[in-house]
N, C-alpha and C. Protein backbone atom coordinates (compact mmCIF):
# COMPACT_ATOMS: atom_id res chain seq x y z
N MET A 1 0.82 -1.20 0.00
CA MET A 1 0.00 0.00 0.00
C MET A 1 0.86 1.26 0.00
N GLU A 2 1.87 1.27 0.87
CA GLU A 2 2.71 2.46 0.94
C GLU A 2 3.56 2.62 -0.32
N TYR A 3 3.89 1.49 -0.95
CA TYR A 3 4.64 1.57 -2.20
C TYR A 3 3.82 2.26 -3.28
N ALA A 4 2.53 1.98 -3.33
CA ALA A 4 1.65 2.60 -4.34
C ALA A 4 1.53 4.10 -4.10
N ILE A 5 1.49 4.52 -2.85
CA ILE A 5 1.40 5.94 -2.54
C ILE A 5 2.69 6.65 -2.92
N VAL A 6 3.82 6.05 -2.62
CA VAL A 6 5.11 6.64 -2.97
C VAL A 6 5.25 6.71 -4.49
N LYS A 7 4.85 5.66 -5.16
CA LYS A 7 4.93 5.63 -6.62
C LYS A 7 4.06 6.71 -7.25
N LEU A 8 2.84 6.86 -6.75
CA LEU A 8 1.94 7.89 -7.24
C LEU A 8 2.50 9.29 -6.98
N ALA A 9 3.07 9.50 -5.81
CA ALA A 9 3.64 10.80 -5.48
C ALA A 9 4.83 11.13 -6.37
N VAL A 10 5.66 10.15 -6.65
CA VAL A 10 6.83 10.38 -7.52
C VAL A 10 6.38 10.70 -8.93
N TYR A 11 5.42 9.97 -9.45
CA TYR A 11 4.93 10.24 -10.80
C TYR A 11 4.23 11.60 -10.89
N LEU A 12 3.48 11.96 -9.87
CA LEU A 12 2.81 13.26 -9.87
C LEU A 12 3.82 14.40 -9.79
N LEU A 13 4.83 14.25 -8.95
CA LEU A 13 5.87 15.27 -8.85
C LEU A 13 6.64 15.39 -10.16
N CYS A 14 6.95 14.28 -10.77
CA CYS A 14 7.66 14.31 -12.06
C CYS A 14 6.78 14.92 -13.15
N PHE A 15 5.47 14.69 -13.09
CA PHE A 15 4.57 15.29 -14.07
C PHE A 15 4.56 16.81 -13.93
N LEU A 16 4.48 17.29 -12.70
CA LEU A 16 4.46 18.73 -12.49
C LEU A 16 5.78 19.38 -12.92
N VAL A 17 6.88 18.73 -12.63
CA VAL A 17 8.19 19.27 -13.03
C VAL A 17 8.33 19.25 -14.55
N SER A 18 7.91 18.18 -15.18
CA SER A 18 8.03 18.11 -16.63
C SER A 18 7.08 19.08 -17.32
N LEU A 19 5.90 19.30 -16.76
CA LEU A 19 4.98 20.28 -17.31
C LEU A 19 5.57 21.69 -17.19
N PHE A 20 6.20 21.97 -16.07
CA PHE A 20 6.86 23.26 -15.88
C PHE A 20 8.02 23.43 -16.86
N ALA A 21 8.79 22.38 -17.05
CA ALA A 21 9.94 22.46 -17.95
C ALA A 21 9.50 22.60 -19.41
N LEU A 22 8.45 21.89 -19.80
CA LEU A 22 7.99 21.96 -21.18
C LEU A 22 7.24 23.25 -21.49
N SER A 23 6.82 23.98 -20.47
CA SER A 23 6.13 25.23 -20.73
C SER A 23 7.06 26.29 -21.31
N GLY A 24 8.35 26.07 -21.20
CA GLY A 24 9.31 26.99 -21.78
C GLY A 24 9.57 26.76 -23.27
N VAL A 25 9.07 25.66 -23.80
CA VAL A 25 9.25 25.34 -25.21
C VAL A 25 8.16 26.03 -26.02
N ARG A 26 8.54 26.65 -27.11
CA ARG A 26 7.57 27.34 -27.95
C ARG A 26 6.98 26.35 -28.97
N PHE A 27 5.82 25.82 -28.63
CA PHE A 27 5.17 24.85 -29.49
C PHE A 27 4.47 25.50 -30.68
N ASP A 28 4.34 26.81 -30.67
CA ASP A 28 3.68 27.47 -31.79
C ASP A 28 4.50 27.39 -33.07
N ARG A 29 5.77 27.06 -32.93
CA ARG A 29 6.60 26.85 -34.13
C ARG A 29 6.35 25.50 -34.78
N PHE A 30 5.83 24.55 -33.99
CA PHE A 30 5.63 23.19 -34.49
C PHE A 30 4.19 22.90 -34.90
N VAL A 31 3.24 23.61 -34.31
CA VAL A 31 1.83 23.34 -34.60
C VAL A 31 1.18 24.59 -35.19
N ASN A 32 0.00 24.40 -35.73
CA ASN A 32 -0.76 25.49 -36.32
C ASN A 32 -1.27 26.41 -35.21
N VAL A 33 -1.03 27.70 -35.33
CA VAL A 33 -1.41 28.65 -34.28
C VAL A 33 -2.92 28.79 -34.18
N ARG A 34 -3.62 28.53 -35.25
CA ARG A 34 -5.08 28.65 -35.23
C ARG A 34 -5.75 27.51 -34.49
N GLN A 35 -4.98 26.51 -34.09
CA GLN A 35 -5.54 25.37 -33.35
C GLN A 35 -4.77 25.19 -32.03
N PRO A 36 -5.01 26.06 -31.06
CA PRO A 36 -4.21 25.99 -29.82
C PRO A 36 -4.53 24.75 -28.97
N MET A 37 -5.70 24.14 -29.17
CA MET A 37 -6.04 22.96 -28.38
C MET A 37 -5.09 21.80 -28.71
N LYS A 38 -4.69 21.69 -29.96
CA LYS A 38 -3.76 20.62 -30.34
C LYS A 38 -2.40 20.83 -29.70
N ALA A 39 -1.98 22.08 -29.57
CA ALA A 39 -0.70 22.37 -28.92
C ALA A 39 -0.77 22.03 -27.43
N GLN A 40 -1.90 22.29 -26.80
CA GLN A 40 -2.06 21.97 -25.39
C GLN A 40 -2.09 20.46 -25.16
N VAL A 41 -2.74 19.74 -26.05
CA VAL A 41 -2.77 18.28 -25.94
C VAL A 41 -1.37 17.71 -26.15
N LEU A 42 -0.65 18.25 -27.10
CA LEU A 42 0.73 17.81 -27.33
C LEU A 42 1.58 18.07 -26.10
N LEU A 43 1.41 19.21 -25.46
CA LEU A 43 2.15 19.54 -24.25
C LEU A 43 1.84 18.54 -23.13
N LEU A 44 0.57 18.21 -22.95
CA LEU A 44 0.20 17.25 -21.91
C LEU A 44 0.73 15.85 -22.18
N VAL A 45 0.66 15.41 -23.44
CA VAL A 45 1.16 14.07 -23.78
C VAL A 45 2.67 13.99 -23.58
N LEU A 46 3.38 15.02 -24.01
CA LEU A 46 4.82 15.03 -23.81
C LEU A 46 5.19 15.10 -22.34
N ALA A 47 4.43 15.85 -21.55
CA ALA A 47 4.68 15.94 -20.12
C ALA A 47 4.43 14.60 -19.44
N MET A 48 3.37 13.88 -19.86
CA MET A 48 3.11 12.57 -19.28
C MET A 48 4.20 11.56 -19.63
N ALA A 49 4.65 11.60 -20.88
CA ALA A 49 5.70 10.67 -21.29
C ALA A 49 7.01 10.97 -20.55
N LEU A 50 7.35 12.23 -20.44
CA LEU A 50 8.58 12.61 -19.74
C LEU A 50 8.47 12.28 -18.26
N ALA A 51 7.31 12.49 -17.67
CA ALA A 51 7.10 12.17 -16.26
C ALA A 51 7.21 10.66 -16.02
N TYR A 52 6.68 9.86 -16.92
CA TYR A 52 6.79 8.42 -16.76
C TYR A 52 8.25 7.97 -16.83
N LEU A 53 8.99 8.52 -17.78
CA LEU A 53 10.40 8.13 -17.91
C LEU A 53 11.21 8.56 -16.70
N CYS A 54 11.03 9.79 -16.25
CA CYS A 54 11.78 10.29 -15.09
C CYS A 54 11.36 9.57 -13.81
N GLY A 55 10.05 9.36 -13.64
CA GLY A 55 9.58 8.65 -12.46
C GLY A 55 10.06 7.21 -12.41
N SER A 56 10.03 6.54 -13.53
CA SER A 56 10.54 5.17 -13.58
C SER A 56 12.03 5.12 -13.28
N PHE A 57 12.75 6.09 -13.78
CA PHE A 57 14.19 6.16 -13.51
C PHE A 57 14.45 6.36 -12.02
N LEU A 58 13.74 7.30 -11.40
CA LEU A 58 13.94 7.55 -9.97
C LEU A 58 13.51 6.36 -9.12
N LEU A 59 12.40 5.73 -9.46
CA LEU A 59 11.96 4.57 -8.70
C LEU A 59 12.91 3.39 -8.86
N GLU A 60 13.45 3.24 -10.04
CA GLU A 60 14.40 2.15 -10.28
C GLU A 60 15.67 2.36 -9.45
N LEU A 61 16.09 3.59 -9.31
CA LEU A 61 17.30 3.86 -8.53
C LEU A 61 17.09 3.70 -7.04
N THR A 62 15.92 4.00 -6.55
CA THR A 62 15.72 4.03 -5.11
C THR A 62 14.98 2.81 -4.58
N ILE A 63 13.72 2.65 -4.91
CA ILE A 63 12.89 1.63 -4.27
C ILE A 63 13.27 0.21 -4.69
N TYR A 64 13.47 0.00 -5.97
CA TYR A 64 13.75 -1.35 -6.44
C TYR A 64 15.10 -1.87 -5.96
N ASN A 65 16.03 -0.96 -5.73
CA ASN A 65 17.36 -1.38 -5.31
C ASN A 65 17.55 -1.31 -3.80
N GLY A 66 16.50 -0.96 -3.06
CA GLY A 66 16.56 -0.98 -1.62
C GLY A 66 17.33 0.16 -0.99
N LEU A 67 17.48 1.27 -1.70
CA LEU A 67 18.20 2.39 -1.10
C LEU A 67 17.31 3.25 -0.26
């Protein structure tokens, strides 16, 4: 039970950090400016993918190895 809470907290923290970091990228150069919803969806999907990778990396280093 406590492992699931720690895992959820790590993924949520990584999501917030990755969302903050990706907000500095200018997506208007990559997507059509007349469709801002697509840029926002792209930002969320990239933030989720980055959060999963970073969270998995941190959990692999700490919890799985007993540190």
